[in-house]
């Protein structure tokens, strides 16, 4: 029941924010303000509903230490995308045609902030965290990664391959980041850093969705295996490989820190013969 209550509270804010941001039609100040407001309200809704349903402080979104964790995550996300796009460029799948739009980058900042926060709250803060209690870390990682990939299947230009790639390089990676850190600020930062670098800096499509130009006018070309095709770099082999490497690294860190939760075993009824009093 708490899972449904938490999903309902955060999803309601996410839906309302999505409608408002969409209505802004990429108006720069409105998109920025509405996007950031959606992110803040979603965090407040999450903290409120966790307190109500679990009777505890939502330490995973505590303000203390939030800025450094968010900053580290953002740097990781930007560095990961920069590495992926550099490898795609070396293989002839990406080039810079010129400067793009600073205004577009500002609008994308608000849009990506809302997307990163709401998706992390739903998939890692609620689904992964609660499922992990029963299935353990690995079971929750596999299940929520699959759901995250499927959630991107309706996107424009999506294919089964792109859904699988997103499940691994984003769904599994972001779950591993949460498992290793036990706070939501790091995965939010990684998610935001990747998305903003893709759309706001290098001017590529993000998860098949076109948007205003970022700082650079990026042009993708070549085979889908190299460039990701119409879905964008997230559908490329380079992104998939990078996601696998980082997921393995963060899961190793989680295990080293003793934060990998085992699967809960069902209690087996005692043998009646062992309980008889002689």
C-alpha atoms as a PDB file:
ATOM      1  CA  UNK A   1       0.000   0.000   0.000  1.00  0.00           C
ATOM      2  CA  UNK A   2       2.801   2.452   0.826  1.00  0.00           C
ATOM      3  CA  UNK A   3       4.277   1.823  -2.623  1.00  0.00           C
ATOM      4  CA  UNK A   4       1.034   2.899  -4.283  1.00  0.00           C
ATOM      5  CA  UNK A   5       0.645   5.923  -2.011  1.00  0.00           C
ATOM      6  CA  UNK A   6       4.190   7.077  -2.684  1.00  0.00           C
ATOM      7  CA  UNK A   7       3.887   6.496  -6.418  1.00  0.00           C
ATOM      8  CA  UNK A   8       0.583   8.358  -6.481  1.00  0.00           C
ATOM      9  CA  UNK A   9       1.961  11.412  -4.691  1.00  0.00           C
ATOM     10  CA  UNK A  10       5.093  11.783  -6.811  1.00  0.00           C
ATOM     11  CA  UNK A  11       3.417  10.783 -10.087  1.00  0.00           C
ATOM     12  CA  UNK A  12       0.712  13.425  -9.535  1.00  0.00           C
ATOM     13  CA  UNK A  13       3.351  16.156  -9.267  1.00  0.00           C
ATOM     14  CA  UNK A  14       5.277  14.735 -12.223  1.00  0.00           C
ATOM     15  CA  UNK A  15       2.164  14.638 -14.412  1.00  0.00           C
ATOM     16  CA  UNK A  16       1.072  18.148 -13.485  1.00  0.00           C
ATOM     17  CA  UNK A  17       4.592  19.450 -14.079  1.00  0.00           C
ATOM     18  CA  UNK A  18       4.822  17.683 -17.423  1.00  0.00           C
ATOM     19  CA  UNK A  19       1.559  19.248 -18.575  1.00  0.00           C
ATOM     20  CA  UNK A  20       2.678  22.728 -17.487  1.00  0.00           C
ATOM     21  CA  UNK A  21       6.133  22.425 -19.052  1.00  0.00           C
ATOM     22  CA  UNK A  22       4.567  21.130 -22.271  1.00  0.00           C
ATOM     23  CA  UNK A  23       2.138  24.062 -22.315  1.00  0.00           C
ATOM     24  CA  UNK A  24       5.100  26.441 -22.070  1.00  0.00           C
ATOM     25  CA  UNK A  25       6.086  25.345 -25.602  1.00  0.00           C
ATOM     26  CA  UNK A  26       9.808  25.849 -24.903  1.00  0.00           C
ATOM     27  CA  UNK A  27       9.375  29.445 -23.798  1.00  0.00           C
ATOM     28  CA  UNK A  28      12.756  29.902 -22.136  1.00  0.00           C
ATOM     29  CA  UNK A  29      11.914  31.561 -18.782  1.00  0.00           C
ATOM     30  CA  UNK A  30       8.675  29.607 -18.357  1.00  0.00           C
ATOM     31  CA  UNK A  31      10.270  26.229 -19.146  1.00  0.00           C
ATOM     32  CA  UNK A  32      13.145  26.937 -16.772  1.00  0.00           C
ATOM     33  CA  UNK A  33      10.896  28.088 -13.919  1.00  0.00           C
ATOM     34  CA  UNK A  34       8.278  25.367 -14.354  1.00  0.00           C
ATOM     35  CA  UNK A  35      10.906  22.650 -14.723  1.00  0.00           C
ATOM     36  CA  UNK A  36      12.780  23.624 -11.574  1.00  0.00           C
ATOM     37  CA  UNK A  37       9.480  24.089  -9.698  1.00  0.00           C
ATOM     38  CA  UNK A  38       8.379  20.589 -10.717  1.00  0.00           C
ATOM     39  CA  UNK A  39      11.652  19.154  -9.422  1.00  0.00           C
ATOM     40  CA  UNK A  40      11.348  20.966  -6.074  1.00  0.00           C
ATOM     41  CA  UNK A  41       7.681  20.081  -5.580  1.00  0.00           C
ATOM     42  CA  UNK A  42       8.337  16.430  -6.443  1.00  0.00           C
ATOM     43  CA  UNK A  43      11.086  16.276  -3.815  1.00  0.00           C
ATOM     44  CA  UNK A  44       8.776  17.859  -1.232  1.00  0.00           C
ATOM     45  CA  UNK A  45       5.967  15.447  -2.134  1.00  0.00           C
ATOM     46  CA  UNK A  46       8.329  12.488  -1.825  1.00  0.00           C
ATOM     47  CA  UNK A  47       9.632  13.613   1.575  1.00  0.00           C
ATOM     48  CA  UNK A  48       6.077  14.224   2.821  1.00  0.00           C
ATOM     49  CA  UNK A  49       4.633  10.891   1.686  1.00  0.00           C
ATOM     50  CA  UNK A  50       7.608   8.896   3.007  1.00  0.00           C
ATOM     51  CA  UNK A  51       7.144  10.505   6.426  1.00  0.00           C
ATOM     52  CA  UNK A  52       3.426   9.714   6.337  1.00  0.00           C
ATOM     53  CA  UNK A  53       3.704   6.111   5.138  1.00  0.00           C
ATOM     54  CA  UNK A  54       6.978   4.966   6.708  1.00  0.00           C
ATOM     55  CA  UNK A  55       7.104   7.166   9.830  1.00  0.00           C
ATOM     56  CA  UNK A  56      10.758   8.075   9.336  1.00  0.00           C
ATOM     57  CA  UNK A  57      12.870  10.931   8.115  1.00  0.00           C
ATOM     58  CA  UNK A  58      13.561  10.639   4.351  1.00  0.00           C
ATOM     59  CA  UNK A  59      17.344  10.654   4.780  1.00  0.00           C
ATOM     60  CA  UNK A  60      17.876   9.690   1.129  1.00  0.00           C
ATOM     61  CA  UNK A  61      16.837  13.237   0.159  1.00  0.00           C
ATOM     62  CA  UNK A  62      18.252  15.027   3.208  1.00  0.00           C
ATOM     63  CA  UNK A  63      19.370  18.585   2.534  1.00  0.00           C
ATOM     64  CA  UNK A  64      22.643  18.057   4.409  1.00  0.00           C
ATOM     65  CA  UNK A  65      25.265  16.878   1.934  1.00  0.00           C
ATOM     66  CA  UNK A  66      22.892  17.273  -1.011  1.00  0.00           C
ATOM     67  CA  UNK A  67      24.948  19.811  -2.969  1.00  0.00           C
ATOM     68  CA  UNK A  68      28.245  17.845  -3.005  1.00  0.00           C
ATOM     69  CA  UNK A  69      26.462  14.586  -3.889  1.00  0.00           C
ATOM     70  CA  UNK A  70      24.424  16.269  -6.619  1.00  0.00           C
ATOM     71  CA  UNK A  71      27.563  17.928  -7.985  1.00  0.00           C
ATOM     72  CA  UNK A  72      29.544  14.673  -8.057  1.00  0.00           C
ATOM     73  CA  UNK A  73      26.710  12.876  -9.777  1.00  0.00           C
ATOM     74  CA  UNK A  74      26.341  15.628 -12.378  1.00  0.00           C
ATOM     75  CA  UNK A  75      30.059  15.533 -13.158  1.00  0.00           C
ATOM     76  CA  UNK A  76      29.897  11.755 -13.606  1.00  0.00           C
ATOM     77  CA  UNK A  77      26.899  12.043 -15.935  1.00  0.00           C
ATOM     78  CA  UNK A  78      28.527  14.791 -18.038  1.00  0.00           C
ATOM     79  CA  UNK A  79      31.855  12.929 -18.186  1.00  0.00           C
ATOM     80  CA  UNK A  80      30.122   9.713 -19.213  1.00  0.00           C
ATOM     81  CA  UNK A  81      28.216  11.380 -22.039  1.00  0.00           C
ATOM     82  CA  UNK A  82      31.286  13.330 -23.186  1.00  0.00           C
ATOM     83  CA  UNK A  83      33.236  10.069 -23.390  1.00  0.00           C
ATOM     84  CA  UNK A  84      30.440   8.364 -25.321  1.00  0.00           C
ATOM     85  CA  UNK A  85      29.974  11.215 -27.803  1.00  0.00           C
ATOM     86  CA  UNK A  86      33.746  11.453 -28.309  1.00  0.00           C
ATOM     87  CA  UNK A  87      33.899   7.766 -29.206  1.00  0.00           C
ATOM     88  CA  UNK A  88      30.946   8.180 -31.578  1.00  0.00           C
ATOM     89  CA  UNK A  89      32.679  11.175 -33.200  1.00  0.00           C
ATOM     90  CA  UNK A  90      35.879   9.170 -33.676  1.00  0.00           C
ATOM     91  CA  UNK A  91      33.835   6.542 -35.517  1.00  0.00           C
ATOM     92  CA  UNK A  92      32.291   9.230 -37.752  1.00  0.00           C
ATOM     93  CA  UNK A  93      28.841   9.271 -36.169  1.00  0.00           C
ATOM     94  CA  UNK A  94      28.848  12.809 -34.723  1.00  0.00           C
ATOM     95  CA  UNK A  95      30.102  16.205 -35.788  1.00  0.00           C
ATOM     96  CA  UNK A  96      29.600  19.795 -34.683  1.00  0.00           C
ATOM     97  CA  UNK A  97      28.080  21.951 -37.422  1.00  0.00           C
ATOM     98  CA  UNK A  98      28.447  25.191 -35.441  1.00  0.00           C
ATOM     99  CA  UNK A  99      27.088  26.991 -32.426  1.00  0.00           C
ATOM    100  CA  UNK A 100      23.577  26.264 -31.290  1.00  0.00           C
ATOM    101  CA  UNK A 101      21.449  28.290 -28.891  1.00  0.00           C
ATOM    102  CA  UNK A 102      22.252  29.459 -25.364  1.00  0.00           C
ATOM    103  CA  UNK A 103      18.530  30.137 -24.822  1.00  0.00           C
ATOM    104  CA  UNK A 104      17.741  26.568 -25.837  1.00  0.00           C
ATOM    105  CA  UNK A 105      20.277  25.283 -23.318  1.00  0.00           C
ATOM    106  CA  UNK A 106      18.634  27.310 -20.546  1.00  0.00           C
ATOM    107  CA  UNK A 107      15.192  25.912 -21.394  1.00  0.00           C
ATOM    108  CA  UNK A 108      16.619  22.403 -21.500  1.00  0.00           C
ATOM    109  CA  UNK A 109      18.144  22.906 -18.045  1.00  0.00           C
ATOM    110  CA  UNK A 110      14.657  23.285 -16.547  1.00  0.00           C
ATOM    111  CA  UNK A 111      13.189  20.464 -18.617  1.00  0.00           C
ATOM    112  CA  UNK A 112      15.998  18.026 -17.739  1.00  0.00           C
ATOM    113  CA  UNK A 113      15.894  18.963 -14.049  1.00  0.00           C
ATOM    114  CA  UNK A 114      12.224  18.004 -13.847  1.00  0.00           C
ATOM    115  CA  UNK A 115      12.767  14.757 -15.768  1.00  0.00           C
ATOM    116  CA  UNK A 116      15.798  13.658 -13.747  1.00  0.00           C
ATOM    117  CA  UNK A 117      14.243  14.353 -10.349  1.00  0.00           C
ATOM    118  CA  UNK A 118      10.811  12.844 -10.996  1.00  0.00           C
ATOM    119  CA  UNK A 119      12.174   9.724 -12.698  1.00  0.00           C
ATOM    120  CA  UNK A 120      14.730   9.086  -9.968  1.00  0.00           C
ATOM    121  CA  UNK A 121      12.162   9.543  -7.217  1.00  0.00           C
ATOM    122  CA  UNK A 122       9.818   7.076  -8.907  1.00  0.00           C
ATOM    123  CA  UNK A 123      12.239   4.423 -10.137  1.00  0.00           C
ATOM    124  CA  UNK A 124      15.019   4.511  -7.551  1.00  0.00           C
ATOM    125  CA  UNK A 125      13.482   6.275  -4.553  1.00  0.00           C
ATOM    126  CA  UNK A 126      10.246   4.307  -4.540  1.00  0.00           C
ATOM    127  CA  UNK A 127      10.332   1.222  -6.778  1.00  0.00           C
ATOM    128  CA  UNK A 128      13.944   0.140  -6.281  1.00  0.00           C
ATOM    129  CA  UNK A 129      14.069   0.942  -2.573  1.00  0.00           C
ATOM    130  CA  UNK A 130      10.856  -0.876  -1.684  1.00  0.00           C
ATOM    131  CA  UNK A 131      11.344  -3.850  -4.019  1.00  0.00           C
ATOM    132  CA  UNK A 132      14.879  -4.272  -2.651  1.00  0.00           C
ATOM    133  CA  UNK A 133      13.456  -5.082   0.775  1.00  0.00           C
ATOM    134  CA  UNK A 134      12.067  -8.352  -0.586  1.00  0.00           C
ATOM    135  CA  UNK A 135      14.077  -9.195  -3.713  1.00  0.00           C
ATOM    136  CA  UNK A 136      17.437  -7.886  -2.543  1.00  0.00           C
ATOM    137  CA  UNK A 137      19.684  -5.431  -4.376  1.00  0.00           C
ATOM    138  CA  UNK A 138      20.322  -7.526  -7.474  1.00  0.00           C
ATOM    139  CA  UNK A 139      16.692  -8.541  -7.887  1.00  0.00           C
ATOM    140  CA  UNK A 140      15.507  -4.952  -7.497  1.00  0.00           C
ATOM    141  CA  UNK A 141      18.184  -3.740  -9.909  1.00  0.00           C
ATOM    142  CA  UNK A 142      17.133  -6.180 -12.643  1.00  0.00           C
ATOM    143  CA  UNK A 143      13.401  -5.563 -12.200  1.00  0.00           C
ATOM    144  CA  UNK A 144      13.514  -1.760 -12.039  1.00  0.00           C
ATOM    145  CA  UNK A 145      16.043  -1.564 -14.874  1.00  0.00           C
ATOM    146  CA  UNK A 146      13.671  -3.570 -17.064  1.00  0.00           C
ATOM    147  CA  UNK A 147      10.753  -1.325 -16.107  1.00  0.00           C
ATOM    148  CA  UNK A 148      12.850   1.768 -16.843  1.00  0.00           C
ATOM    149  CA  UNK A 149      13.690   0.443 -20.299  1.00  0.00           C
ATOM    150  CA  UNK A 150      10.059  -0.431 -21.011  1.00  0.00           C
ATOM    151  CA  UNK A 151       8.979   3.054 -19.900  1.00  0.00           C
ATOM    152  CA  UNK A 152      11.091   4.477 -22.735  1.00  0.00           C
ATOM    153  CA  UNK A 153       9.678   2.124 -25.378  1.00  0.00           C
ATOM    154  CA  UNK A 154       6.778   4.468 -26.355  1.00  0.00           C
ATOM    155  CA  UNK A 155       9.279   7.290 -27.079  1.00  0.00           C
ATOM    156  CA  UNK A 156       9.735   8.433 -30.695  1.00  0.00           C
ATOM    157  CA  UNK A 157      12.122   6.222 -32.718  1.00  0.00           C
ATOM    158  CA  UNK A 158      12.362   3.708 -29.874  1.00  0.00           C
ATOM    159  CA  UNK A 159      13.040   0.043 -30.603  1.00  0.00           C
ATOM    160  CA  UNK A 160      13.470  -3.068 -28.501  1.00  0.00           C
ATOM    161  CA  UNK A 161      17.213  -2.514 -28.778  1.00  0.00           C
ATOM    162  CA  UNK A 162      17.015   1.078 -27.520  1.00  0.00           C
ATOM    163  CA  UNK A 163      14.780  -0.022 -24.633  1.00  0.00           C
ATOM    164  CA  UNK A 164      17.331  -2.690 -23.703  1.00  0.00           C
ATOM    165  CA  UNK A 165      20.161  -0.157 -23.949  1.00  0.00           C
ATOM    166  CA  UNK A 166      18.332   2.317 -21.686  1.00  0.00           C
ATOM    167  CA  UNK A 167      17.539  -0.461 -19.228  1.00  0.00           C
ATOM    168  CA  UNK A 168      21.237  -1.332 -18.899  1.00  0.00           C
ATOM    169  CA  UNK A 169      23.064   1.972 -19.271  1.00  0.00           C
ATOM    170  CA  UNK A 170      20.541   4.030 -17.286  1.00  0.00           C
ATOM    171  CA  UNK A 171      18.192   1.804 -15.313  1.00  0.00           C
ATOM    172  CA  UNK A 172      20.864  -0.547 -13.988  1.00  0.00           C
ATOM    173  CA  UNK A 173      23.521   2.156 -13.637  1.00  0.00           C
ATOM    174  CA  UNK A 174      21.343   4.559 -11.674  1.00  0.00           C
ATOM    175  CA  UNK A 175      20.161   1.756  -9.391  1.00  0.00           C
ATOM    176  CA  UNK A 176      23.800   0.829  -8.776  1.00  0.00           C
ATOM    177  CA  UNK A 177      24.638   4.445  -7.959  1.00  0.00           C
ATOM    178  CA  UNK A 178      21.836   4.509  -5.394  1.00  0.00           C
ATOM    179  CA  UNK A 179      22.918   1.159  -3.944  1.00  0.00           C
ATOM    180  CA  UNK A 180      26.480   2.406  -3.500  1.00  0.00           C
ATOM    181  CA  UNK A 181      25.577   5.786  -1.980  1.00  0.00           C
ATOM    182  CA  UNK A 182      22.163   5.238  -0.360  1.00  0.00           C
ATOM    183  CA  UNK A 183      21.066   8.731  -1.290  1.00  0.00           C
ATOM    184  CA  UNK A 184      19.058   9.966  -4.257  1.00  0.00           C
ATOM    185  CA  UNK A 185      21.161  13.050  -4.950  1.00  0.00           C
ATOM    186  CA  UNK A 186      23.907  11.113  -6.727  1.00  0.00           C
ATOM    187  CA  UNK A 187      21.620   9.264  -9.173  1.00  0.00           C
ATOM    188  CA  UNK A 188      19.657  12.475  -9.767  1.00  0.00           C
ATOM    189  CA  UNK A 189      22.946  14.213 -10.613  1.00  0.00           C
ATOM    190  CA  UNK A 190      24.124  11.416 -12.925  1.00  0.00           C
ATOM    191  CA  UNK A 191      20.745  11.378 -14.688  1.00  0.00           C
ATOM    192  CA  UNK A 192      20.640  15.154 -15.065  1.00  0.00           C
ATOM    193  CA  UNK A 193      24.293  15.396 -16.125  1.00  0.00           C
ATOM    194  CA  UNK A 194      23.842  12.837 -18.897  1.00  0.00           C
ATOM    195  CA  UNK A 195      20.597  14.332 -20.210  1.00  0.00           C
ATOM    196  CA  UNK A 196      21.741  17.945 -20.081  1.00  0.00           C
ATOM    197  CA  UNK A 197      25.087  17.149 -21.694  1.00  0.00           C
ATOM    198  CA  UNK A 198      23.256  15.306 -24.477  1.00  0.00           C
ATOM    199  CA  UNK A 199      20.626  17.905 -25.280  1.00  0.00           C
ATOM    200  CA  UNK A 200      21.810  21.123 -23.650  1.00  0.00           C
ATOM    201  CA  UNK A 201      25.490  20.965 -24.576  1.00  0.00           C
ATOM    202  CA  UNK A 202      26.129  18.625 -27.505  1.00  0.00           C
ATOM    203  CA  UNK A 203      22.773  19.167 -29.239  1.00  0.00           C
ATOM    204  CA  UNK A 204      21.693  15.536 -29.676  1.00  0.00           C
ATOM    205  CA  UNK A 205      18.305  13.896 -29.256  1.00  0.00           C
ATOM    206  CA  UNK A 206      17.632  12.450 -25.792  1.00  0.00           C
ATOM    207  CA  UNK A 207      15.776   9.129 -25.672  1.00  0.00           C
ATOM    208  CA  UNK A 208      14.380   9.747 -29.147  1.00  0.00           C
ATOM    209  CA  UNK A 209      12.898  13.124 -28.240  1.00  0.00           C
ATOM    210  CA  UNK A 210      13.859  16.196 -30.235  1.00  0.00           C
ATOM    211  CA  UNK A 211      14.201  19.515 -28.443  1.00  0.00           C
ATOM    212  CA  UNK A 212      15.591  23.023 -29.005  1.00  0.00           C
ATOM    213  CA  UNK A 213      19.254  23.244 -29.937  1.00  0.00           C
ATOM    214  CA  UNK A 214      21.737  23.194 -27.099  1.00  0.00           C
ATOM    215  CA  UNK A 215      24.994  25.120 -26.991  1.00  0.00           C
ATOM    216  CA  UNK A 216      26.288  23.168 -29.992  1.00  0.00           C
ATOM    217  CA  UNK A 217      24.594  22.281 -33.261  1.00  0.00           C
ATOM    218  CA  UNK A 218      25.305  18.565 -33.258  1.00  0.00           C
ATOM    219  CA  UNK A 219      24.726  16.341 -36.281  1.00  0.00           C
ATOM    220  CA  UNK A 220      24.423  12.554 -35.946  1.00  0.00           C
ATOM    221  CA  UNK A 221      25.012  10.209 -38.857  1.00  0.00           C
ATOM    222  CA  UNK A 222      26.030   6.676 -39.703  1.00  0.00           C
ATOM    223  CA  UNK A 223      24.740   3.328 -38.532  1.00  0.00           C
ATOM    224  CA  UNK A 224      22.451   2.997 -35.541  1.00  0.00           C
ATOM    225  CA  UNK A 225      25.033   0.807 -33.812  1.00  0.00           C
ATOM    226  CA  UNK A 226      27.524   3.684 -33.879  1.00  0.00           C
ATOM    227  CA  UNK A 227      25.312   6.756 -33.424  1.00  0.00           C
ATOM    228  CA  UNK A 228      22.189   5.309 -31.859  1.00  0.00           C
ATOM    229  CA  UNK A 229      20.117   6.231 -34.905  1.00  0.00           C
ATOM    230  CA  UNK A 230      16.951   8.267 -34.459  1.00  0.00           C
ATOM    231  CA  UNK A 231      16.837   7.431 -30.754  1.00  0.00           C
ATOM    232  CA  UNK A 232      20.056   9.327 -30.089  1.00  0.00           C
ATOM    233  CA  UNK A 233      23.377   8.326 -28.530  1.00  0.00           C
ATOM    234  CA  UNK A 234      21.626   6.324 -25.811  1.00  0.00           C
ATOM    235  CA  UNK A 235      20.961   3.677 -28.436  1.00  0.00           C
ATOM    236  CA  UNK A 236      24.638   3.325 -29.361  1.00  0.00           C
ATOM    237  CA  UNK A 237      26.992   0.505 -28.467  1.00  0.00           C
ATOM    238  CA  UNK A 238      29.352   3.038 -26.882  1.00  0.00           C
ATOM    239  CA  UNK A 239      26.680   4.137 -24.399  1.00  0.00           C
ATOM    240  CA  UNK A 240      25.772   0.544 -23.612  1.00  0.00           C
ATOM    241  CA  UNK A 241      29.399  -0.383 -22.957  1.00  0.00           C
ATOM    242  CA  UNK A 242      29.955   2.685 -20.786  1.00  0.00           C
ATOM    243  CA  UNK A 243      26.844   1.878 -18.764  1.00  0.00           C
ATOM    244  CA  UNK A 244      27.961  -1.702 -18.174  1.00  0.00           C
ATOM    245  CA  UNK A 245      31.404  -0.595 -16.969  1.00  0.00           C
ATOM    246  CA  UNK A 246      30.044   2.038 -14.570  1.00  0.00           C
ATOM    247  CA  UNK A 247      27.308  -0.277 -13.278  1.00  0.00           C
ATOM    248  CA  UNK A 248      29.927  -2.898 -12.451  1.00  0.00           C
ATOM    249  CA  UNK A 249      32.059  -0.257 -10.746  1.00  0.00           C
ATOM    250  CA  UNK A 250      29.266   1.080  -8.556  1.00  0.00           C
ATOM    251  CA  UNK A 251      28.052  -2.407  -7.638  1.00  0.00           C
ATOM    252  CA  UNK A 252      31.601  -3.305  -6.626  1.00  0.00           C
ATOM    253  CA  UNK A 253      31.620  -0.183  -4.454  1.00  0.00           C
ATOM    254  CA  UNK A 254      28.231  -1.104  -2.951  1.00  0.00           C
ATOM    255  CA  UNK A 255      29.495  -4.562  -2.093  1.00  0.00           C
ATOM    256  CA  UNK A 256      32.697  -3.188  -0.602  1.00  0.00           C
ATOM    257  CA  UNK A 257      30.653  -0.870   1.604  1.00  0.00           C
ATOM    258  CA  UNK A 258      28.430  -3.731   2.715  1.00  0.00           C
ATOM    259  CA  UNK A 259      25.347  -2.199   1.111  1.00  0.00           C
ATOM    260  CA  UNK A 260      24.224  -5.066  -1.119  1.00  0.00           C
ATOM    261  CA  UNK A 261      21.011  -6.390   0.424  1.00  0.00           C
ATOM    262  CA  UNK A 262      20.410 -10.137   0.104  1.00  0.00           C
ATOM    263  CA  UNK A 263      17.106 -11.512  -1.076  1.00  0.00           C
ATOM    264  CA  UNK A 264      14.701 -12.066   1.779  1.00  0.00           C
ATOM    265  CA  UNK A 265      14.045 -15.757   2.211  1.00  0.00           C
ATOM    266  CA  UNK A 266      10.584 -16.934   3.099  1.00  0.00           C
ATOM    267  CA  UNK A 267      10.386 -18.455   6.504  1.00  0.00           C
ATOM    268  CA  UNK A 268       9.953 -22.216   6.256  1.00  0.00           C
ATOM    269  CA  UNK A 269       7.539 -23.828   8.704  1.00  0.00           C
ATOM    270  CA  UNK A 270       9.227 -25.857  11.363  1.00  0.00           C
ATOM    271  CA  UNK A 271       9.052 -29.623  11.156  1.00  0.00           C
ATOM    272  CA  UNK A 272       6.240 -30.595  13.528  1.00  0.00           C
ATOM    273  CA  UNK A 273       8.290 -33.528  14.720  1.00  0.00           C
ATOM    274  CA  UNK A 274      10.963 -31.200  16.065  1.00  0.00           C
ATOM    275  CA  UNK A 275       8.499 -29.284  18.213  1.00  0.00           C
ATOM    276  CA  UNK A 276       6.938 -32.201  20.021  1.00  0.00           C
ATOM    277  CA  UNK A 277       7.627 -32.384  23.721  1.00  0.00           C
ATOM    278  CA  UNK A 278       8.753 -35.911  24.653  1.00  0.00           C
END
